[in-house]
Amino acid sequence: MVRISGLASGMDIDQMVKDLMKVERMPLDKLKQKQQILEWQRDDYRSLNTLFLNFRTSLTNMKLTTSYRVRSTTSTNDSLLTATASSGAGLSSYTLSNVKQLATAATKVNTGSVSNDPSNKIDVNSSLIGQESKLSGLTWQKGVVESKSISVKDDTNQITISLDGAELLESEGMNIKVDGKTYKVITDPNHTLAENEVRYSKSGTDGVLTFGSLKKGSTVKIDYIADKKIENAKINGESTGIQLSHGAIIDDDFSIVLDGKTYKLSGNDLVEDTANNPLKLGSIDKKTGKITFSDEFKVKLKADAENYEENKGDTDDAFSLDVSITYKQNYTKFNIETHTSKYPDGVFENIFIEGSDSLNKVMSKVNNSNVGVSMFYDSFTDKMTLTRTETGNFNGGETDQEISTSGDFINNVLKFANATETGGQNAKFTINGLDTERTSNTFEMNGVAFTLKKTFDDPESISIKNDSSKVFDNIKAFVEEYNKLIDTVNKKITEDRYRAYSPLTEEQREQLSDRQQELWEEKAKSGLLKGDTLLSSALSQMRISVYQPVSNSEVTSVYNQLSAIGITTTSNYLEGGKLEIDEAKLKKAIENDPSSVENLFRGTGGTTDSKGIVQRLFDDVSSTIDKLNERAGKAYSTNQQFTIGKNLDDVAKKINTFEDRLKQIEDRYYRQFTAMEQAIQKSNNQMNYLLQQFGGGQ
C-alpha cells in the first residue's frame, strides 16, 4: 500500500499514526508485561528448586552411617602398632602381643656380578646383542618373538590365531592372558580344562585356543615364538628404506622378494640372488632391523616410478611395489614361577627376550608380568635382585620357595642359579588371646585395619571409639544447610510486592538510563512469590517433620526429638523456623548415646512417626521438588511439560494475534489519512484551476 504522509495537508501523518497506535498498543504492552512476570516467576521457582535439590543431596549424605559412625582409634604405642577404623567397626578394644615376626617379601639376590669385567659394566639402556662380550654364557636361539591382542566379539569358547605363514615353536611355552588373568597352556586333546587352563591346537595354517568360556568384550593377549617372520610392505618412487618390526636380525634364511627378484644377505648388504651382475638393494642394520636402499636402487626405483606415470594412461593408479621379507632374529627366554595372593596355587610366565632388548627392557617385562615380582639391577655392585611385590608366605611350608626361576639367561647369565631366598614369611602374633598369622603387616579385622610396625612381646592395645567431634561437625553442617534453605524460601514468600512497578515496556526503557532500568527491575521482580502456597506449605511440612518426636525402638525416649539433643527453633518467629544448636547439649548426647542420636536422624520405619528426621525431610523435599517441576519445569523441559510454560505459550499466542491486529489497525489509519490527503490534493487542484480561470478573465 502506498502511503502519502502530509504532502497535501502539511500534517505529520507518521507521528499522528504513532500517537494513535500508542493507545491501541496498550493491551499488547500488558500482555508482554504478563509474559515477563511469568518468566521471572519461572526462574524464581527454578532457583529455589536448585536449593531444594542441593539440600536433598545433603539429606542423602546424612542418611549414611558414615555421618554418625566416625570412628577414632587409640594405640598404647604408635611406634609398635597403629590402626584405622571404618564406620562399620564396633566400639571395642583389641589387645595384641607376642608379635614374633613381621611379614616380609620373598627376595633373591643373584650370586655374582652380571658383567664379566667390573671396570666395563653392562649398559642397562643398550641392546643386549651389542654387549655380548660383557656377559658370560649368553647364547641366542633362532626364531621371532610375536605378540597379538584379540578382542572377543561375541560370547564363545574358541578364538583363532593367524600365524601369518609361520610355525609356532614350543606351544606350551606360550603366554596367554584374558583381561590380565594368566592361563596355563595345555596341548593334550583329552585333557579336561580347568578354569585357568586353555588348550592349543593347530587348524590348517592357524592356531586355535579353546577356553572353558570367553565373554564378549574380553581381550586375549598371546605372546609366543614363531619359527620365522614373514613381513609384507609396499614401497613407492620416493621410498628410501624399510623398517622391520624386529631387530637382532640373523643371516639364516633372510630374504627379500621385490618385483619378482630375490635379495639375500651378504654381510650387511642386500644383493640380488644371482651370479650375473647382482644389483645391490641396500644394507641392513641387523641390530635395529632398519633397511636402507642403495643410491643405485633408489635411482632405479625413481626411474621406474616416472616411467609408470608416463604410461599409465587415464587411470588414477599410483606406482608401488609389493615387498615380502622373511627373516629370523636372535632371542632367548626364561621363566619365573611364584605364589601370590591372586594365584595361591602358583603362576608361571615365560619372559621372551629379543636381542635388541636392553637390560632395562628385560626388567620392565618381568616387573609388568603377572608373577608379581620386581627385578632390580644395582650398578654399584653390578648385582641383581628379585623381590616379590607383596609380603607373606603363599607356598605352604616354611622352607618352600616363593620365587622359582628357570632358563639359561636368568640362571646363568644373570646369575640367579642357586640364589638363596630370604623373607617370604607371615606376620605372627596374638590378638585377644588368639594365636594367628597374616601375610601382610597391615590387615583388616571387623572393620579395623591394623598395622604392625615392629616385633614386641608385651600386650599393646587398640581402642575404637566414636569421634564425637566429627559427628557434631556433620550434624552442625546439616543444620546450617537446613537454615540456609529455610531462610531463602522464607524471604521469597515474605518479600514486598511493588505493584506500581510493572515490567518496563520498550518505550519506557528508551527513556531510562541503564542504572535506572536496573533499579526499576529490582522493584518489579520483588515479591513475585509472596505468600506462595506451594512454598509456604513446604516449609510448614518441614517444620512438622523436624518437631515431631521419633517413635522407633532404636531411639530411646530420652533422645527422641531434636530439642532433647540441644537443637531448637530460634525465638524469632519471623525467621520461619530456623534451628539453633546448644553445642554442649548436643555433644553430650552424642557421647552418651550415639546410637539414639544416629537413629533420631537416619532411623527407618514404615510410618512417618517411626522414620528419622532426615528420612522425613527427604520425603518432604522430594515431594516439593516434584511439585516445583510440575509448576516451573526444568532447564531442559518444554513449555507444554509444566504449568507456567503452558501459560507462557498461551500468552505468546495472544501476543502474536494482537500484533497481527495492530498491523491491520495501523494499515487502516494510513489508508484513511491517505484518502484524506488525496481528497485535499484534489480540492487544491480544483481551486488552482478556478484561480487560473478567474485570473485569465481579467
Foldseek 3Di string as FASTA:
>chain_A
DDFDACPQPVDRLVVVLVVVVVVLCVVLLVLVLVLVLLVLVLVVLQVLLVLLVVLLVLLVVLLDLQLQQQKDKDWPDPLFKDWHFGSQFDFFKKKWFQFPDAWFWKKFWFDAFLFPDLVDFADQAFFQLVVVNGFPPDDWDKFDKDKDKDAAAAKDFKDKAQPPQWAFDPQQQKWKDKQQQTAGEDAPPPDDDDQRYWYWDDDVNIIMIGHPIDHHGIMMMMIGTTNKDKDKDKDALPDFWDFDPAAQWDQPPKWKAKPNWIWGDDPQWTWTPDPPPIDTQAGADRLGRITGGDPVVSVVRNVVQVVCVVPVPPDPDHDMMMMIIMTIHIKFKKKKKFADPVRLVIDIHIQIGTSRRGNVNSQVSVCPHPRQWHWDADSVRSIIMIIHNFTAASNPDPPDDRMDMDGCCCCPSRRRPPTDMDGRHWGWIAMPRRTDTDRHQWDDDSRMTMHGNDHHGDMMMMGMDGPLVSSLVSVVVSLVSVLVSLQVLLCQQQWDADVVLGQDDPVRVVVDDPVVNVVSVVNNSINSNHNPPLSLVLLVQLLCLQAAFADAPQADPQQRHDVSQAKAFDPDVSSSGRIDGPSVSNSVCCVPRSRNVSQLANNDDDDSNNGHSSVSNSVSSVVSSVLSCQANNHPPDALVRHNSSVVSVVSVVVSVVSVVVSVVVSVVSSVVVSVVSVVSVVVVVVVVVVVVVVVVVD
